[in-house]
Amino acid sequence: MSEDLRSRVNELETTVDALTDEIVDLQKRLDEVEGEGGKEEKDEVGVGLETEKDGDGDDIYVA
């Protein structure tokens, strides 16, 4: 079951990364269309994962 959860978490992380990249690209294009490209700096948002490094590796922590 642990491997299934890890696999699902990896799939979800990949999906979130792809969607985040798409949002950033869309925001850049929107800024260009609105004539604000480069005038305002946007905050970047992301999601990350940490796995326990003490050896057992059964626990997954979301940062």
N, C-alpha and C. Protein backbone atom coordinates (compact mmCIF):
# COMPACT_ATOMS: atom_id res chain seq x y z
N MET A 1 0.82 -1.19 0.00
CA MET A 1 0.00 0.00 0.00
C MET A 1 0.86 1.26 0.00
N SER A 2 1.99 1.18 0.69
CA SER A 2 2.89 2.33 0.75
C SER A 2 3.41 2.69 -0.65
N GLU A 3 3.75 1.68 -1.43
CA GLU A 3 4.23 1.94 -2.80
C GLU A 3 3.13 2.55 -3.66
N ASP A 4 1.88 2.09 -3.48
CA ASP A 4 0.76 2.67 -4.21
C ASP A 4 0.58 4.14 -3.87
N LEU A 5 0.70 4.47 -2.59
CA LEU A 5 0.58 5.86 -2.16
C LEU A 5 1.71 6.70 -2.72
N ARG A 6 2.91 6.17 -2.68
CA ARG A 6 4.07 6.90 -3.22
C ARG A 6 3.89 7.15 -4.72
N SER A 7 3.41 6.13 -5.41
CA SER A 7 3.18 6.26 -6.85
C SER A 7 2.13 7.33 -7.13
N ARG A 8 1.07 7.31 -6.37
CA ARG A 8 -0.01 8.30 -6.56
C ARG A 8 0.48 9.70 -6.24
N VAL A 9 1.27 9.84 -5.18
CA VAL A 9 1.83 11.14 -4.82
C VAL A 9 2.74 11.65 -5.93
N ASN A 10 3.56 10.78 -6.50
CA ASN A 10 4.43 11.18 -7.61
C ASN A 10 3.62 11.64 -8.82
N GLU A 11 2.54 10.91 -9.12
CA GLU A 11 1.68 11.31 -10.23
C GLU A 11 1.05 12.68 -9.98
N LEU A 12 0.57 12.87 -8.76
CA LEU A 12 -0.05 14.15 -8.42
C LEU A 12 0.97 15.29 -8.45
N GLU A 13 2.18 15.03 -7.97
CA GLU A 13 3.22 16.05 -8.00
C GLU A 13 3.55 16.45 -9.44
N THR A 14 3.64 15.47 -10.32
CA THR A 14 3.90 15.74 -11.73
C THR A 14 2.78 16.58 -12.33
N THR A 15 1.55 16.25 -12.01
CA THR A 15 0.40 17.01 -12.51
C THR A 15 0.42 18.44 -12.00
N VAL A 16 0.69 18.61 -10.71
CA VAL A 16 0.74 19.95 -10.12
C VAL A 16 1.86 20.77 -10.76
N ASP A 17 3.02 20.16 -10.97
CA ASP A 17 4.13 20.87 -11.61
C ASP A 17 3.75 21.34 -13.01
N ALA A 18 3.11 20.47 -13.77
CA ALA A 18 2.70 20.82 -15.13
C ALA A 18 1.67 21.94 -15.12
N LEU A 19 0.71 21.85 -14.23
CA LEU A 19 -0.32 22.90 -14.13
C LEU A 19 0.28 24.22 -13.67
N THR A 20 1.22 24.17 -12.74
CA THR A 20 1.89 25.39 -12.28
C THR A 20 2.64 26.05 -13.42
N ASP A 21 3.37 25.26 -14.21
CA ASP A 21 4.07 25.81 -15.37
C ASP A 21 3.10 26.45 -16.35
N GLU A 22 1.97 25.80 -16.56
CA GLU A 22 0.97 26.32 -17.49
C GLU A 22 0.39 27.64 -16.97
N ILE A 23 0.14 27.73 -15.68
CA ILE A 23 -0.37 28.98 -15.10
C ILE A 23 0.64 30.10 -15.25
N VAL A 24 1.91 29.81 -15.00
CA VAL A 24 2.96 30.83 -15.14
C VAL A 24 3.02 31.31 -16.58
N ASP A 25 2.98 30.38 -17.55
CA ASP A 25 3.00 30.76 -18.96
C ASP A 25 1.79 31.61 -19.34
N LEU A 26 0.63 31.22 -18.86
CA LEU A 26 -0.59 31.98 -19.14
C LEU A 26 -0.52 33.38 -18.54
N GLN A 27 0.03 33.49 -17.34
CA GLN A 27 0.16 34.80 -16.70
C GLN A 27 1.10 35.70 -17.49
N LYS A 28 2.20 35.14 -17.98
CA LYS A 28 3.13 35.92 -18.80
C LYS A 28 2.46 36.41 -20.07
N ARG A 29 1.70 35.51 -20.72
CA ARG A 29 1.00 35.91 -21.95
C ARG A 29 -0.06 36.96 -21.66
N LEU A 30 -0.77 36.82 -20.56
CA LEU A 30 -1.77 37.81 -20.18
C LEU A 30 -1.13 39.16 -19.93
N ASP A 31 0.01 39.17 -19.24
CA ASP A 31 0.73 40.42 -18.99
C ASP A 31 1.14 41.08 -20.29
N GLU A 32 1.59 40.28 -21.25
CA GLU A 32 1.99 40.83 -22.55
C GLU A 32 0.80 41.44 -23.28
N VAL A 33 -0.33 40.74 -23.25
CA VAL A 33 -1.54 41.23 -23.91
C VAL A 33 -2.01 42.53 -23.26
N GLU A 34 -1.92 42.61 -21.95
CA GLU A 34 -2.35 43.80 -21.23
C GLU A 34 -1.30 44.91 -21.27
N GLY A 35 -0.15 44.65 -21.86
CA GLY A 35 0.89 45.67 -21.96
C GLY A 35 1.68 45.86 -20.68
N GLU A 36 1.62 44.88 -19.78
CA GLU A 36 2.33 45.00 -18.52
C GLU A 36 3.50 44.03 -18.42
N GLY A 37 3.90 43.42 -19.50
CA GLY A 37 4.97 42.44 -19.47
C GLY A 37 6.25 43.01 -18.88
N GLY A 38 6.67 42.46 -17.75
CA GLY A 38 7.91 42.87 -17.12
C GLY A 38 7.80 44.04 -16.16
N LYS A 39 6.67 44.75 -16.12
CA LYS A 39 6.55 45.90 -15.22
C LYS A 39 6.35 45.48 -13.78
N GLU A 40 5.57 44.42 -13.57
CA GLU A 40 5.27 43.94 -12.24
C GLU A 40 5.85 42.55 -12.04
N GLU A 41 6.47 42.34 -10.92
CA GLU A 41 7.02 41.02 -10.63
C GLU A 41 5.97 40.23 -9.86
N LYS A 42 5.72 39.01 -10.29
CA LYS A 42 4.72 38.16 -9.66
C LYS A 42 5.38 37.21 -8.67
N ASP A 43 4.66 36.85 -7.62
CA ASP A 43 5.13 35.84 -6.68
C ASP A 43 4.97 34.47 -7.33
N GLU A 44 5.94 33.59 -7.10
CA GLU A 44 5.85 32.22 -7.60
C GLU A 44 5.33 31.32 -6.50
N VAL A 45 4.48 30.40 -6.90
CA VAL A 45 3.88 29.47 -5.97
C VAL A 45 4.25 28.06 -6.40
N GLY A 46 4.54 27.19 -5.46
CA GLY A 46 4.89 25.81 -5.81
C GLY A 46 4.53 24.84 -4.71
N VAL A 47 4.66 23.60 -5.03
CA VAL A 47 4.39 22.53 -4.09
C VAL A 47 5.60 21.61 -4.08
N GLY A 48 5.97 21.12 -2.92
CA GLY A 48 7.10 20.22 -2.84
C GLY A 48 6.82 19.07 -1.90
N LEU A 49 7.61 18.05 -2.01
CA LEU A 49 7.48 16.88 -1.15
C LEU A 49 8.81 16.59 -0.48
N GLU A 50 8.72 16.09 0.73
CA GLU A 50 9.91 15.62 1.43
C GLU A 50 9.63 14.23 1.93
N THR A 51 10.60 13.35 1.77
CA THR A 51 10.46 12.03 2.37
C THR A 51 11.43 11.95 3.54
N GLU A 52 11.05 11.19 4.52
CA GLU A 52 11.88 11.04 5.71
C GLU A 52 13.21 10.41 5.31
N LYS A 53 14.32 10.94 5.81
CA LYS A 53 15.64 10.48 5.40
C LYS A 53 16.34 9.67 6.49
N ASP A 54 15.59 9.15 7.46
CA ASP A 54 16.24 8.42 8.54
C ASP A 54 16.38 6.94 8.26
N GLY A 55 15.97 6.52 7.07
CA GLY A 55 16.18 5.12 6.73
C GLY A 55 14.91 4.34 6.48
N ASP A 56 13.84 4.54 7.28
CA ASP A 56 12.67 3.69 7.02
C ASP A 56 11.89 4.16 5.80
N GLY A 57 11.83 5.47 5.55
CA GLY A 57 11.25 6.01 4.32
C GLY A 57 9.78 5.70 4.10
N ASP A 58 9.06 5.29 5.15
CA ASP A 58 7.64 4.96 4.99
C ASP A 58 6.74 6.19 5.06
N ASP A 59 7.22 7.26 5.64
CA ASP A 59 6.40 8.44 5.82
C ASP A 59 6.69 9.48 4.75
N ILE A 60 5.63 10.11 4.26
CA ILE A 60 5.77 11.18 3.29
C ILE A 60 5.25 12.46 3.92
N TYR A 61 6.03 13.50 3.85
CA TYR A 61 5.67 14.79 4.42
C TYR A 61 5.49 15.79 3.29
N VAL A 62 4.42 16.54 3.33
CA VAL A 62 4.18 17.56 2.32
C VAL A 62 4.60 18.89 2.92
N ALA A 63 5.47 19.58 2.20
CA ALA A 63 5.98 20.86 2.68
C ALA A 63 5.15 22.00 2.16
